[in-house]
């Protein structure tokens, strides 16, 4: 009974932390903007990815960082990667190709691991993480673990709103709660199994 109570309290506290992080937005001057990938349809950003792209572009236009890191691989059957779709969209808005970095990654862990390796090799550590609010806590934890200094910038026009966010918050709360115990790299390995 005590174990169940402790687990319930731990989960509740984690849920509050994930929710509070989703409300934080710290668009401070940084070295790079990291866009977490989301679905794309044959090179066209999904509404969720478009919301992230618009915010990243706004941050870049405000001169808060000189580099943008596009992340995300492609699903089986896709012609384009999420990162390619992001980079192409940004270039169409006028962002120079030389200011855009790209890495793959099918999961949050994979994307941030690849991004941190490229960024740190170039001496870039201070980053703005652009993703949905419910995803920020896990992204910040992983980025910090990988040696980056991240600040959250939740997508302001995400199409996932209201009660539609509830299952995402529950999924992220579970991922953060388990990831803190077993390590986020192991969490992604379990996620890949099914």
N, C-alpha and C. Protein backbone atom coordinates (compact mmCIF):
# COMPACT_ATOMS: atom_id res chain seq x y z
N UNK A 1 0.82 -1.19 0.00
CA UNK A 1 0.00 0.00 0.00
C UNK A 1 0.87 1.27 0.00
N UNK A 2 1.94 1.23 0.79
CA UNK A 2 2.85 2.38 0.85
C UNK A 2 3.51 2.62 -0.50
N UNK A 3 3.92 1.53 -1.16
CA UNK A 3 4.57 1.64 -2.48
C UNK A 3 3.61 2.26 -3.49
N UNK A 4 2.37 1.83 -3.48
CA UNK A 4 1.37 2.37 -4.40
C UNK A 4 1.16 3.85 -4.13
N UNK A 5 1.08 4.23 -2.86
CA UNK A 5 0.90 5.63 -2.49
C UNK A 5 2.08 6.48 -2.92
N UNK A 6 3.29 5.98 -2.71
CA UNK A 6 4.50 6.71 -3.11
C UNK A 6 4.54 6.88 -4.63
N UNK A 7 4.20 5.83 -5.36
CA UNK A 7 4.19 5.90 -6.83
C UNK A 7 3.14 6.91 -7.32
N UNK A 8 1.97 6.91 -6.67
CA UNK A 8 0.91 7.84 -7.06
C UNK A 8 1.33 9.29 -6.81
N UNK A 9 1.98 9.53 -5.67
CA UNK A 9 2.45 10.88 -5.36
C UNK A 9 3.53 11.31 -6.35
N UNK A 10 4.46 10.38 -6.64
CA UNK A 10 5.54 10.66 -7.60
C UNK A 10 4.96 11.03 -8.96
N UNK A 11 3.96 10.26 -9.41
CA UNK A 11 3.33 10.51 -10.71
C UNK A 11 2.63 11.87 -10.70
N UNK A 12 1.93 12.17 -9.61
CA UNK A 12 1.20 13.44 -9.51
C UNK A 12 2.17 14.62 -9.52
N UNK A 13 3.26 14.51 -8.78
CA UNK A 13 4.25 15.59 -8.75
C UNK A 13 4.86 15.77 -10.14
N UNK A 14 5.16 14.67 -10.81
CA UNK A 14 5.72 14.73 -12.17
C UNK A 14 4.74 15.40 -13.12
N UNK A 15 3.46 15.06 -13.00
CA UNK A 15 2.43 15.67 -13.86
C UNK A 15 2.39 17.18 -13.68
N UNK A 16 2.48 17.63 -12.45
CA UNK A 16 2.49 19.07 -12.17
C UNK A 16 3.73 19.72 -12.78
N UNK A 17 4.88 19.05 -12.66
CA UNK A 17 6.11 19.60 -13.22
C UNK A 17 6.03 19.70 -14.75
N UNK A 18 5.49 18.66 -15.40
CA UNK A 18 5.34 18.68 -16.86
C UNK A 18 4.40 19.82 -17.26
N UNK A 19 3.32 20.00 -16.52
CA UNK A 19 2.35 21.06 -16.81
C UNK A 19 2.98 22.43 -16.61
N UNK A 20 3.69 22.62 -15.49
CA UNK A 20 4.33 23.92 -15.23
C UNK A 20 5.37 24.26 -16.30
N UNK A 21 6.15 23.25 -16.72
CA UNK A 21 7.14 23.49 -17.77
C UNK A 21 6.46 23.88 -19.07
N UNK A 22 5.29 23.31 -19.34
CA UNK A 22 4.58 23.63 -20.58
C UNK A 22 4.14 25.08 -20.63
N UNK A 23 4.06 25.72 -19.47
CA UNK A 23 3.64 27.12 -19.38
C UNK A 23 4.82 28.09 -19.45
N UNK A 24 6.04 27.56 -19.31
CA UNK A 24 7.23 28.41 -19.34
C UNK A 24 7.63 28.71 -20.78
N UNK A 25 8.01 29.94 -21.02
CA UNK A 25 8.57 30.31 -22.32
C UNK A 25 9.68 31.31 -22.05
N UNK A 26 10.90 30.92 -22.38
CA UNK A 26 12.07 31.75 -22.10
C UNK A 26 12.88 32.01 -23.37
N UNK A 27 12.32 32.83 -24.27
CA UNK A 27 13.04 33.12 -25.51
C UNK A 27 14.17 34.12 -25.29
N UNK A 28 15.24 33.65 -24.68
CA UNK A 28 16.39 34.51 -24.40
C UNK A 28 17.43 34.35 -25.51
N UNK A 29 18.31 35.33 -25.68
CA UNK A 29 19.37 35.18 -26.69
C UNK A 29 20.15 33.90 -26.45
N UNK A 30 20.32 33.11 -27.50
CA UNK A 30 20.97 31.81 -27.42
C UNK A 30 21.86 31.61 -28.63
N UNK A 31 22.45 30.43 -28.72
CA UNK A 31 23.34 30.15 -29.84
C UNK A 31 22.64 29.42 -30.98
N UNK A 32 21.56 28.70 -30.67
CA UNK A 32 20.84 27.96 -31.71
C UNK A 32 19.40 27.72 -31.27
N UNK A 33 18.56 27.55 -32.27
CA UNK A 33 17.15 27.20 -32.07
C UNK A 33 17.00 25.75 -32.52
N UNK A 34 16.48 24.90 -31.65
CA UNK A 34 16.28 23.49 -32.00
C UNK A 34 14.79 23.25 -32.19
N UNK A 35 14.41 22.82 -33.40
CA UNK A 35 13.02 22.49 -33.68
C UNK A 35 12.85 20.98 -33.56
N UNK A 36 11.98 20.56 -32.66
CA UNK A 36 11.71 19.13 -32.54
C UNK A 36 10.77 18.72 -33.67
N UNK A 37 11.13 17.65 -34.37
CA UNK A 37 10.37 17.21 -35.52
C UNK A 37 8.97 16.74 -35.17
N UNK A 38 8.11 16.79 -36.16
CA UNK A 38 6.74 16.28 -36.07
C UNK A 38 6.36 15.83 -37.48
N UNK A 39 5.18 15.30 -37.61
CA UNK A 39 4.76 14.71 -38.88
C UNK A 39 4.87 15.71 -40.04
N UNK A 40 5.21 15.15 -41.20
CA UNK A 40 5.18 15.91 -42.45
C UNK A 40 4.53 15.02 -43.50
N UNK A 41 3.92 15.64 -44.47
CA UNK A 41 3.19 14.90 -45.50
C UNK A 41 3.79 15.21 -46.86
N UNK A 42 4.68 14.33 -47.31
CA UNK A 42 5.32 14.47 -48.61
C UNK A 42 5.97 15.84 -48.76
N UNK A 43 6.68 16.26 -47.71
CA UNK A 43 7.40 17.53 -47.75
C UNK A 43 6.61 18.72 -47.27
N UNK A 44 5.35 18.50 -46.89
CA UNK A 44 4.50 19.59 -46.38
C UNK A 44 4.36 19.41 -44.87
N UNK A 45 4.69 20.44 -44.08
CA UNK A 45 4.60 20.30 -42.63
C UNK A 45 3.16 20.05 -42.16
N UNK A 46 2.99 19.16 -41.19
CA UNK A 46 1.69 18.98 -40.55
C UNK A 46 1.37 20.27 -39.79
N UNK A 47 0.11 20.47 -39.39
CA UNK A 47 -0.21 21.68 -38.61
C UNK A 47 0.64 21.81 -37.35
N UNK A 48 0.94 20.69 -36.70
CA UNK A 48 1.76 20.73 -35.49
C UNK A 48 3.18 21.17 -35.81
N UNK A 49 3.76 20.61 -36.86
CA UNK A 49 5.11 21.00 -37.26
C UNK A 49 5.14 22.45 -37.74
N UNK A 50 4.10 22.86 -38.45
CA UNK A 50 4.04 24.24 -38.94
C UNK A 50 4.04 25.24 -37.77
N UNK A 51 3.32 24.92 -36.71
CA UNK A 51 3.30 25.80 -35.53
C UNK A 51 4.70 25.95 -34.95
N UNK A 52 5.44 24.85 -34.89
CA UNK A 52 6.81 24.89 -34.37
C UNK A 52 7.71 25.71 -35.29
N UNK A 53 7.53 25.51 -36.59
CA UNK A 53 8.34 26.22 -37.57
C UNK A 53 8.09 27.73 -37.50
N UNK A 54 6.84 28.12 -37.38
CA UNK A 54 6.51 29.54 -37.33
C UNK A 54 7.15 30.21 -36.12
N UNK A 55 7.13 29.52 -34.98
CA UNK A 55 7.75 30.09 -33.79
C UNK A 55 9.27 30.15 -33.92
N UNK A 56 9.86 29.10 -34.48
CA UNK A 56 11.31 29.09 -34.68
C UNK A 56 11.73 30.22 -35.63
N UNK A 57 10.96 30.41 -36.67
CA UNK A 57 11.25 31.48 -37.63
C UNK A 57 11.14 32.85 -36.95
N UNK A 58 10.13 33.02 -36.12
CA UNK A 58 9.96 34.27 -35.38
C UNK A 58 11.16 34.54 -34.46
N UNK A 59 11.62 33.50 -33.78
CA UNK A 59 12.79 33.65 -32.91
C UNK A 59 14.02 34.04 -33.72
N UNK A 60 14.18 33.42 -34.88
CA UNK A 60 15.32 33.73 -35.75
C UNK A 60 15.23 35.18 -36.24
N UNK A 61 14.04 35.60 -36.65
CA UNK A 61 13.84 36.97 -37.14
C UNK A 61 14.09 38.00 -36.04
N UNK A 62 13.88 37.60 -34.79
CA UNK A 62 14.13 38.50 -33.65
C UNK A 62 15.60 38.47 -33.24
N UNK A 63 16.41 37.74 -34.02
CA UNK A 63 17.86 37.65 -33.79
C UNK A 63 18.20 37.06 -32.41
N UNK A 64 17.39 36.09 -31.97
CA UNK A 64 17.67 35.45 -30.70
C UNK A 64 18.67 34.31 -30.84
N UNK A 65 18.94 33.87 -32.06
CA UNK A 65 19.97 32.86 -32.31
C UNK A 65 20.32 32.89 -33.80
N UNK A 66 21.59 32.68 -34.13
CA UNK A 66 22.00 32.72 -35.54
C UNK A 66 21.85 31.39 -36.28
N UNK A 67 21.60 30.31 -35.53
CA UNK A 67 21.50 28.98 -36.14
C UNK A 67 20.15 28.36 -35.82
N UNK A 68 19.65 27.55 -36.76
CA UNK A 68 18.44 26.76 -36.52
C UNK A 68 18.78 25.31 -36.79
N UNK A 69 18.48 24.45 -35.82
CA UNK A 69 18.70 23.01 -35.96
C UNK A 69 17.37 22.33 -36.24
N UNK A 70 17.25 21.75 -37.43
CA UNK A 70 16.04 21.01 -37.81
C UNK A 70 16.28 19.53 -37.46
N UNK A 71 15.30 18.91 -36.83
CA UNK A 71 15.46 17.51 -36.42
C UNK A 71 14.34 16.64 -36.97
N UNK A 72 14.61 15.35 -37.03
CA UNK A 72 13.58 14.38 -37.38
C UNK A 72 13.91 13.58 -38.62
N UNK A 73 13.63 12.29 -38.54
CA UNK A 73 13.86 11.36 -39.65
C UNK A 73 12.58 11.22 -40.47
N UNK A 74 12.46 10.13 -41.18
CA UNK A 74 11.23 9.87 -41.92
C UNK A 74 10.68 8.52 -41.52
N UNK A 75 9.38 8.39 -41.65
CA UNK A 75 8.71 7.13 -41.36
C UNK A 75 8.80 6.23 -42.60
N UNK A 76 8.63 4.92 -42.43
CA UNK A 76 8.65 4.03 -43.59
C UNK A 76 7.64 4.49 -44.65
N UNK A 77 8.09 4.56 -45.88
CA UNK A 77 7.23 4.97 -46.98
C UNK A 77 7.29 6.46 -47.28
N UNK A 78 7.88 7.25 -46.38
CA UNK A 78 7.99 8.69 -46.62
C UNK A 78 9.08 8.98 -47.65
N UNK A 79 8.88 10.04 -48.41
CA UNK A 79 9.90 10.47 -49.37
C UNK A 79 10.87 11.47 -48.76
N UNK A 80 10.43 12.17 -47.72
CA UNK A 80 11.24 13.24 -47.14
C UNK A 80 11.33 13.07 -45.63
N UNK A 81 12.42 13.58 -45.07
CA UNK A 81 12.56 13.57 -43.62
C UNK A 81 11.86 14.80 -43.04
N UNK A 82 11.58 14.73 -41.75
CA UNK A 82 11.02 15.88 -41.06
C UNK A 82 12.00 17.04 -41.11
N UNK A 83 13.29 16.75 -40.90
CA UNK A 83 14.29 17.83 -40.89
C UNK A 83 14.41 18.49 -42.27
N UNK A 84 14.33 17.71 -43.35
CA UNK A 84 14.37 18.28 -44.69
C UNK A 84 13.17 19.18 -44.92
N UNK A 85 12.01 18.73 -44.49
CA UNK A 85 10.78 19.52 -44.63
C UNK A 85 10.90 20.83 -43.86
N UNK A 86 11.46 20.76 -42.65
CA UNK A 86 11.65 21.96 -41.85
C UNK A 86 12.61 22.93 -42.55
N UNK A 87 13.75 22.39 -42.99
CA UNK A 87 14.76 23.24 -43.64
C UNK A 87 14.20 23.89 -44.91
N UNK A 88 13.47 23.13 -45.69
CA UNK A 88 12.89 23.66 -46.93
C UNK A 88 11.90 24.78 -46.63
N UNK A 89 11.04 24.58 -45.63
CA UNK A 89 10.08 25.60 -45.25
C UNK A 89 10.80 26.88 -44.80
N UNK A 90 11.82 26.71 -43.96
CA UNK A 90 12.57 27.86 -43.46
C UNK A 90 13.26 28.63 -44.60
N UNK A 91 13.83 27.89 -45.54
CA UNK A 91 14.49 28.54 -46.68
C UNK A 91 13.48 29.34 -47.50
N UNK A 92 12.26 28.81 -47.65
CA UNK A 92 11.22 29.53 -48.40
C UNK A 92 10.83 30.83 -47.70
N UNK A 93 11.03 30.88 -46.40
CA UNK A 93 10.72 32.11 -45.63
C UNK A 93 11.88 33.10 -45.68
N UNK A 94 13.00 32.67 -46.25
CA UNK A 94 14.14 33.57 -46.38
C UNK A 94 15.31 33.29 -45.45
N UNK A 95 15.23 32.20 -44.68
CA UNK A 95 16.37 31.85 -43.82
C UNK A 95 17.47 31.28 -44.71
N UNK A 96 18.69 31.80 -44.65
CA UNK A 96 19.76 31.27 -45.50
C UNK A 96 20.04 29.80 -45.18
N UNK A 97 20.29 29.02 -46.21
CA UNK A 97 20.57 27.60 -46.03
C UNK A 97 21.77 27.39 -45.10
N UNK A 98 22.74 28.30 -45.14
CA UNK A 98 23.94 28.15 -44.32
C UNK A 98 23.63 28.29 -42.82
N UNK A 99 22.46 28.86 -42.47
CA UNK A 99 22.09 29.05 -41.06
C UNK A 99 21.27 27.87 -40.52
N UNK A 100 21.02 26.88 -41.38
CA UNK A 100 20.17 25.76 -41.00
C UNK A 100 21.01 24.48 -40.92
N UNK A 101 20.94 23.81 -39.80
CA UNK A 101 21.59 22.52 -39.59
C UNK A 101 20.50 21.45 -39.58
N UNK A 102 20.84 20.23 -40.02
CA UNK A 102 19.85 19.16 -40.05
C UNK A 102 20.41 17.89 -39.45
N UNK A 103 19.57 17.21 -38.66
CA UNK A 103 19.90 15.87 -38.17
C UNK A 103 18.63 15.02 -38.21
N UNK A 104 18.83 13.71 -38.23
CA UNK A 104 17.70 12.79 -38.20
C UNK A 104 17.31 12.44 -36.78
N UNK A 105 16.60 11.33 -36.66
CA UNK A 105 16.16 10.85 -35.36
C UNK A 105 14.69 10.54 -35.38
N UNK A 106 14.35 9.29 -35.05
CA UNK A 106 12.94 8.89 -35.03
C UNK A 106 12.30 9.17 -33.68
N UNK A 107 13.09 9.36 -32.64
CA UNK A 107 12.57 9.59 -31.30
C UNK A 107 13.18 10.87 -30.74
N UNK A 108 12.62 11.34 -29.65
CA UNK A 108 13.15 12.53 -28.99
C UNK A 108 14.60 12.32 -28.59
N UNK A 109 14.89 11.16 -28.00
CA UNK A 109 16.27 10.87 -27.57
C UNK A 109 17.22 10.87 -28.77
N UNK A 110 16.85 10.19 -29.84
CA UNK A 110 17.71 10.11 -31.02
C UNK A 110 17.94 11.49 -31.64
N UNK A 111 16.87 12.26 -31.77
CA UNK A 111 16.98 13.60 -32.37
C UNK A 111 17.88 14.51 -31.55
N UNK A 112 17.69 14.52 -30.24
CA UNK A 112 18.48 15.41 -29.40
C UNK A 112 19.92 14.92 -29.25
N UNK A 113 20.12 13.62 -29.29
CA UNK A 113 21.49 13.09 -29.25
C UNK A 113 22.26 13.53 -30.50
N UNK A 114 21.62 13.39 -31.65
CA UNK A 114 22.26 13.81 -32.91
C UNK A 114 22.47 15.33 -32.93
N UNK A 115 21.46 16.07 -32.49
CA UNK A 115 21.57 17.53 -32.49
C UNK A 115 22.67 18.00 -31.56
N UNK A 116 22.74 17.43 -30.36
CA UNK A 116 23.75 17.88 -29.39
C UNK A 116 25.16 17.60 -29.89
N UNK A 117 25.35 16.47 -30.58
CA UNK A 117 26.68 16.14 -31.11
C UNK A 117 27.14 17.19 -32.13
N UNK A 118 26.24 17.56 -33.04
CA UNK A 118 26.57 18.54 -34.07
C UNK A 118 26.78 19.92 -33.44
N UNK A 119 25.89 20.29 -32.55
CA UNK A 119 25.97 21.62 -31.93
C UNK A 119 27.24 21.77 -31.10
N UNK A 120 27.52 20.78 -30.25
CA UNK A 120 28.69 20.88 -29.37
C UNK A 120 29.98 20.87 -30.17
N UNK A 121 29.99 20.16 -31.29
CA UNK A 121 31.19 20.13 -32.15
C UNK A 121 31.49 21.53 -32.68
N UNK A 122 30.44 22.33 -32.84
CA UNK A 122 30.60 23.71 -33.33
C UNK A 122 30.69 24.71 -32.18
N UNK A 123 30.76 24.21 -30.95
CA UNK A 123 30.87 25.09 -29.80
C UNK A 123 29.56 25.75 -29.40
N UNK A 124 28.44 25.17 -29.83
CA UNK A 124 27.12 25.73 -29.52
C UNK A 124 26.46 24.89 -28.43
N UNK A 125 26.14 25.51 -27.31
CA UNK A 125 25.53 24.78 -26.19
C UNK A 125 24.22 25.40 -25.72
N UNK A 126 24.11 26.72 -25.83
CA UNK A 126 22.90 27.40 -25.35
C UNK A 126 21.84 27.38 -26.46
N UNK A 127 20.73 26.70 -26.17
CA UNK A 127 19.72 26.49 -27.21
C UNK A 127 18.31 26.82 -26.73
N UNK A 128 17.47 27.16 -27.68
CA UNK A 128 16.04 27.32 -27.46
C UNK A 128 15.36 26.10 -28.05
N UNK A 129 14.57 25.40 -27.25
CA UNK A 129 13.88 24.20 -27.72
C UNK A 129 12.45 24.56 -28.11
N UNK A 130 12.12 24.40 -29.39
CA UNK A 130 10.78 24.70 -29.88
C UNK A 130 10.04 23.39 -30.13
N UNK A 131 8.99 23.19 -29.34
CA UNK A 131 8.15 22.01 -29.47
C UNK A 131 6.82 22.31 -28.79
N UNK A 132 5.93 21.35 -28.74
CA UNK A 132 4.68 21.56 -28.01
C UNK A 132 4.97 21.63 -26.51
N UNK A 133 4.17 22.39 -25.80
CA UNK A 133 4.39 22.59 -24.38
C UNK A 133 4.48 21.31 -23.58
N UNK A 134 3.61 20.36 -23.88
CA UNK A 134 3.61 19.10 -23.12
C UNK A 134 4.88 18.29 -23.33
N UNK A 135 5.63 18.60 -24.38
CA UNK A 135 6.85 17.86 -24.74
C UNK A 135 8.11 18.52 -24.16
N UNK A 136 7.97 19.75 -23.68
CA UNK A 136 9.13 20.54 -23.26
C UNK A 136 9.91 19.92 -22.10
N UNK A 137 9.22 19.43 -21.07
CA UNK A 137 9.93 18.94 -19.89
C UNK A 137 10.91 17.82 -20.25
N UNK A 138 10.44 16.87 -21.03
CA UNK A 138 11.32 15.75 -21.43
C UNK A 138 12.45 16.25 -22.31
N UNK A 139 12.16 17.17 -23.24
CA UNK A 139 13.21 17.71 -24.11
C UNK A 139 14.27 18.45 -23.31
N UNK A 140 13.85 19.23 -22.33
CA UNK A 140 14.81 19.96 -21.50
C UNK A 140 15.68 19.00 -20.70
N UNK A 141 15.06 17.96 -20.14
CA UNK A 141 15.81 16.99 -19.33
C UNK A 141 16.85 16.26 -20.19
N UNK A 142 16.44 15.82 -21.36
CA UNK A 142 17.37 15.10 -22.25
C UNK A 142 18.49 16.03 -22.72
N UNK A 143 18.12 17.24 -23.14
CA UNK A 143 19.13 18.19 -23.62
C UNK A 143 20.17 18.49 -22.55
N UNK A 144 19.70 18.68 -21.33
CA UNK A 144 20.62 18.95 -20.21
C UNK A 144 21.53 17.75 -19.98
N UNK A 145 20.95 16.56 -20.01
CA UNK A 145 21.75 15.34 -19.83
C UNK A 145 22.82 15.21 -20.90
N UNK A 146 22.53 15.71 -22.11
CA UNK A 146 23.46 15.60 -23.22
C UNK A 146 24.46 16.76 -23.28
N UNK A 147 24.43 17.64 -22.28
CA UNK A 147 25.42 18.70 -22.20
C UNK A 147 25.02 20.03 -22.80
N UNK A 148 23.75 20.17 -23.17
CA UNK A 148 23.28 21.45 -23.69
C UNK A 148 22.71 22.29 -22.55
N UNK A 149 22.54 23.57 -22.81
CA UNK A 149 21.90 24.48 -21.84
C UNK A 149 20.62 24.97 -22.53
N UNK A 150 19.50 24.27 -22.29
CA UNK A 150 18.27 24.56 -23.03
C UNK A 150 17.33 25.52 -22.31
N UNK A 151 16.55 26.23 -23.11
CA UNK A 151 15.46 27.06 -22.61
C UNK A 151 14.21 26.69 -23.41
N UNK A 152 13.05 26.62 -22.74
CA UNK A 152 11.84 26.21 -23.45
C UNK A 152 11.16 27.36 -24.19
N UNK A 153 10.67 27.04 -25.38
CA UNK A 153 9.83 27.98 -26.13
C UNK A 153 8.69 27.15 -26.75
N UNK A 154 7.62 26.90 -25.97
CA UNK A 154 6.51 26.11 -26.49
C UNK A 154 5.84 26.78 -27.68
N UNK A 155 5.44 25.97 -28.65
CA UNK A 155 4.77 26.49 -29.84
C UNK A 155 3.48 27.20 -29.44
N UNK A 156 3.36 28.46 -29.85
CA UNK A 156 2.22 29.27 -29.42
C UNK A 156 0.94 28.96 -30.19
N UNK A 157 1.07 28.44 -31.39
CA UNK A 157 -0.13 28.19 -32.20
C UNK A 157 -0.34 26.71 -32.48
N UNK A 158 0.08 25.87 -31.55
CA UNK A 158 -0.10 24.43 -31.73
C UNK A 158 -1.59 24.10 -31.93
N UNK A 159 -1.88 23.22 -32.88
CA UNK A 159 -3.28 22.83 -33.09
C UNK A 159 -3.81 21.90 -31.99
N UNK A 160 -2.91 21.40 -31.16
CA UNK A 160 -3.32 20.51 -30.06
C UNK A 160 -3.67 21.41 -28.88
N UNK A 161 -4.97 21.58 -28.64
CA UNK A 161 -5.44 22.54 -27.65
C UNK A 161 -6.47 21.92 -26.72
N UNK A 162 -6.77 22.66 -25.66
CA UNK A 162 -7.83 22.27 -24.74
C UNK A 162 -7.67 20.86 -24.21
N UNK A 163 -8.79 20.17 -24.11
CA UNK A 163 -8.76 18.80 -23.59
C UNK A 163 -8.07 17.84 -24.54
N UNK A 164 -7.87 18.24 -25.79
CA UNK A 164 -7.14 17.41 -26.74
C UNK A 164 -5.70 17.18 -26.30
N UNK A 165 -5.19 18.05 -25.41
CA UNK A 165 -3.81 17.91 -24.93
C UNK A 165 -3.70 16.87 -23.82
N UNK A 166 -4.83 16.53 -23.21
CA UNK A 166 -4.78 15.65 -22.02
C UNK A 166 -4.03 14.34 -22.26
N UNK A 167 -4.35 13.58 -23.33
CA UNK A 167 -3.60 12.34 -23.52
C UNK A 167 -2.11 12.56 -23.75
N UNK A 168 -1.76 13.68 -24.37
CA UNK A 168 -0.34 13.99 -24.59
C UNK A 168 0.35 14.30 -23.27
N UNK A 169 -0.33 15.03 -22.40
CA UNK A 169 0.23 15.31 -21.08
C UNK A 169 0.41 14.03 -20.28
N UNK A 170 -0.55 13.12 -20.38
CA UNK A 170 -0.44 11.85 -19.65
C UNK A 170 0.73 11.01 -20.19
N UNK A 171 0.85 10.98 -21.52
CA UNK A 171 1.96 10.23 -22.13
C UNK A 171 3.30 10.83 -21.70
N UNK A 172 3.40 12.15 -21.75
CA UNK A 172 4.67 12.79 -21.38
C UNK A 172 4.96 12.64 -19.89
N UNK A 173 3.92 12.72 -19.07
CA UNK A 173 4.12 12.53 -17.63
C UNK A 173 4.66 11.13 -17.37
N UNK A 174 4.09 10.14 -18.03
CA UNK A 174 4.56 8.76 -17.88
C UNK A 174 6.00 8.62 -18.37
N UNK A 175 6.29 9.22 -19.53
CA UNK A 175 7.65 9.14 -20.09
C UNK A 175 8.67 9.80 -19.17
N UNK A 176 8.33 10.97 -18.63
CA UNK A 176 9.25 11.67 -17.74
C UNK A 176 9.42 10.89 -16.44
N UNK A 177 8.31 10.41 -15.89
CA UNK A 177 8.37 9.66 -14.62
C UNK A 177 9.25 8.42 -14.75
N UNK A 178 9.08 7.68 -15.83
CA UNK A 178 9.88 6.46 -16.04
C UNK A 178 11.31 6.82 -16.45
N UNK A 179 11.44 7.82 -17.33
CA UNK A 179 12.76 8.21 -17.81
C UNK A 179 13.69 8.68 -16.71
N UNK A 180 13.13 9.35 -15.72
CA UNK A 180 13.95 9.79 -14.59
C UNK A 180 14.51 8.63 -13.78
N UNK A 181 13.78 7.52 -13.79
CA UNK A 181 14.19 6.36 -13.00
C UNK A 181 15.16 5.47 -13.78
N UNK A 182 14.82 5.15 -15.02
CA UNK A 182 15.64 4.19 -15.78
C UNK A 182 16.58 4.85 -16.78
N UNK A 183 16.42 6.16 -16.98
CA UNK A 183 17.25 6.87 -17.96
C UNK A 183 16.48 7.05 -19.25
N UNK A 184 16.56 8.23 -19.82
CA UNK A 184 15.81 8.52 -21.04
C UNK A 184 16.29 7.70 -22.23
N UNK A 185 17.57 7.32 -22.24
CA UNK A 185 18.05 6.48 -23.34
C UNK A 185 17.39 5.11 -23.30
N UNK A 186 17.17 4.56 -22.11
CA UNK A 186 16.49 3.27 -21.98
C UNK A 186 15.01 3.40 -22.28
N UNK A 187 14.44 4.52 -21.95
CA UNK A 187 13.04 4.76 -22.24
C UNK A 187 12.81 4.73 -23.74
N UNK A 188 13.70 5.36 -24.49
CA UNK A 188 13.55 5.36 -25.94
C UNK A 188 13.74 3.95 -26.50
N UNK A 189 14.62 3.18 -25.91
CA UNK A 189 14.84 1.80 -26.37
C UNK A 189 13.56 0.98 -26.15
N UNK A 190 12.93 1.15 -25.01
CA UNK A 190 11.67 0.46 -24.74
C UNK A 190 10.61 0.93 -25.70
N UNK A 191 10.56 2.24 -25.96
CA UNK A 191 9.59 2.81 -26.89
C UNK A 191 9.74 2.19 -28.28
N UNK A 192 10.97 2.01 -28.71
CA UNK A 192 11.23 1.43 -30.03
C UNK A 192 10.73 -0.01 -30.16
N UNK A 193 10.63 -0.70 -29.03
CA UNK A 193 10.17 -2.09 -29.09
C UNK A 193 8.68 -2.20 -29.36
N UNK A 194 7.97 -1.13 -29.19
CA UNK A 194 6.57 -1.29 -29.50
C UNK A 194 5.68 -0.28 -28.96
